[in-house]
C-alpha atoms as a PDB file:
ATOM      1  CA  UNK A   1      -0.427  32.450 -95.172  1.00  0.00           C
ATOM      2  CA  UNK A   2      -3.950  31.608 -93.798  1.00  0.00           C
ATOM      3  CA  UNK A   3      -4.541  32.364 -89.680  1.00  0.00           C
ATOM      4  CA  UNK A   4      -5.197  28.805 -89.311  1.00  0.00           C
ATOM      5  CA  UNK A   5      -1.943  27.921 -90.671  1.00  0.00           C
ATOM      6  CA  UNK A   6      -0.172  30.548 -88.703  1.00  0.00           C
ATOM      7  CA  UNK A   7      -1.732  29.514 -85.414  1.00  0.00           C
ATOM      8  CA  UNK A   8      -0.614  25.924 -86.005  1.00  0.00           C
ATOM      9  CA  UNK A   9       2.855  27.152 -86.849  1.00  0.00           C
ATOM     10  CA  UNK A  10       2.925  29.519 -83.709  1.00  0.00           C
ATOM     11  CA  UNK A  11       1.704  26.564 -81.753  1.00  0.00           C
ATOM     12  CA  UNK A  12       4.183  24.281 -82.969  1.00  0.00           C
ATOM     13  CA  UNK A  13       7.031  26.520 -82.333  1.00  0.00           C
ATOM     14  CA  UNK A  14       6.166  27.792 -79.218  1.00  0.00           C
ATOM     15  CA  UNK A  15       8.235  26.957 -76.263  1.00  0.00           C
ATOM     16  CA  UNK A  16       5.314  27.003 -73.900  1.00  0.00           C
ATOM     17  CA  UNK A  17       3.907  24.444 -75.415  1.00  0.00           C
ATOM     18  CA  UNK A  18       5.040  20.788 -74.897  1.00  0.00           C
ATOM     19  CA  UNK A  19       4.549  17.362 -76.572  1.00  0.00           C
ATOM     20  CA  UNK A  20       2.089  15.004 -75.026  1.00  0.00           C
ATOM     21  CA  UNK A  21       3.560  12.197 -72.419  1.00  0.00           C
ATOM     22  CA  UNK A  22       0.830   9.812 -72.795  1.00  0.00           C
ATOM     23  CA  UNK A  23       2.386   6.586 -74.189  1.00  0.00           C
ATOM     24  CA  UNK A  24       1.461   5.938 -78.011  1.00  0.00           C
ATOM     25  CA  UNK A  25       0.958   9.668 -78.466  1.00  0.00           C
ATOM     26  CA  UNK A  26       1.549  10.647 -82.095  1.00  0.00           C
ATOM     27  CA  UNK A  27       2.927  14.249 -83.024  1.00  0.00           C
ATOM     28  CA  UNK A  28       4.124  15.810 -86.349  1.00  0.00           C
ATOM     29  CA  UNK A  29       7.758  17.036 -86.715  1.00  0.00           C
ATOM     30  CA  UNK A  30       9.125  18.130 -90.480  1.00  0.00           C
ATOM     31  CA  UNK A  31       6.117  16.426 -91.920  1.00  0.00           C
ATOM     32  CA  UNK A  32       6.777  12.901 -90.609  1.00  0.00           C
ATOM     33  CA  UNK A  33       5.071  11.287 -87.466  1.00  0.00           C
ATOM     34  CA  UNK A  34       6.407  10.461 -84.448  1.00  0.00           C
ATOM     35  CA  UNK A  35       4.858   7.928 -81.882  1.00  0.00           C
ATOM     36  CA  UNK A  36       5.986   7.998 -77.968  1.00  0.00           C
ATOM     37  CA  UNK A  37       7.230   5.045 -76.538  1.00  0.00           C
ATOM     38  CA  UNK A  38       8.412   4.331 -73.052  1.00  0.00           C
ATOM     39  CA  UNK A  39      10.201   1.381 -72.603  1.00  0.00           C
ATOM     40  CA  UNK A  40      12.167   1.182 -68.928  1.00  0.00           C
ATOM     41  CA  UNK A  41      10.947   5.000 -67.837  1.00  0.00           C
ATOM     42  CA  UNK A  42      12.862   6.521 -70.683  1.00  0.00           C
ATOM     43  CA  UNK A  43      10.736   8.011 -72.970  1.00  0.00           C
ATOM     44  CA  UNK A  44      11.294   8.855 -76.198  1.00  0.00           C
ATOM     45  CA  UNK A  45       9.604   9.853 -79.763  1.00  0.00           C
ATOM     46  CA  UNK A  46      10.036   7.222 -82.799  1.00  0.00           C
ATOM     47  CA  UNK A  47       9.498   7.616 -86.584  1.00  0.00           C
ATOM     48  CA  UNK A  48      11.594   7.655 -89.438  1.00  0.00           C
ATOM     49  CA  UNK A  49      14.115   9.902 -91.425  1.00  0.00           C
ATOM     50  CA  UNK A  50      13.733  11.043 -94.954  1.00  0.00           C
ATOM     51  CA  UNK A  51      14.882   7.854 -96.146  1.00  0.00           C
ATOM     52  CA  UNK A  52      12.574   5.615 -94.154  1.00  0.00           C
ATOM     53  CA  UNK A  53      15.195   4.449 -91.464  1.00  0.00           C
ATOM     54  CA  UNK A  54      14.199   4.077 -87.906  1.00  0.00           C
ATOM     55  CA  UNK A  55      14.669   7.461 -86.131  1.00  0.00           C
ATOM     56  CA  UNK A  56      14.280   8.248 -82.076  1.00  0.00           C
ATOM     57  CA  UNK A  57      14.142  11.709 -81.046  1.00  0.00           C
ATOM     58  CA  UNK A  58      14.283  13.017 -77.285  1.00  0.00           C
ATOM     59  CA  UNK A  59      11.621  15.790 -76.373  1.00  0.00           C
ATOM     60  CA  UNK A  60      14.524  17.943 -76.454  1.00  0.00           C
ATOM     61  CA  UNK A  61      14.957  16.971 -79.962  1.00  0.00           C
ATOM     62  CA  UNK A  62      11.559  17.234 -80.807  1.00  0.00           C
ATOM     63  CA  UNK A  63      10.972  20.784 -79.006  1.00  0.00           C
ATOM     64  CA  UNK A  64      14.031  22.135 -81.392  1.00  0.00           C
ATOM     65  CA  UNK A  65      12.960  20.759 -84.358  1.00  0.00           C
ATOM     66  CA  UNK A  66       9.101  21.967 -83.979  1.00  0.00           C
ATOM     67  CA  UNK A  67       5.955  19.809 -83.937  1.00  0.00           C
ATOM     68  CA  UNK A  68       2.569  19.834 -84.531  1.00  0.00           C
ATOM     69  CA  UNK A  69      -0.811  17.807 -83.194  1.00  0.00           C
ATOM     70  CA  UNK A  70      -1.801  17.586 -86.720  1.00  0.00           C
ATOM     71  CA  UNK A  71       0.285  16.854 -90.045  1.00  0.00           C
ATOM     72  CA  UNK A  72       0.913  20.089 -91.961  1.00  0.00           C
ATOM     73  CA  UNK A  73      -0.878  20.253 -95.251  1.00  0.00           C
END
């Protein structure tokens, strides 16, 4: 494993690292993109599951699953 990949994985799983809070921010989790939506003050991350169905995650869900600013290669 390369040093860059190790650093990216560590950043994705670090508890001190929190997802962005700006609307329309994009992060990657488990190889899939998620976009931050915040209708009526209840922000959530929207993406798709492995079968292409819409999926909504809370910030806690995203932290538990791990996330990154970049797509894993």
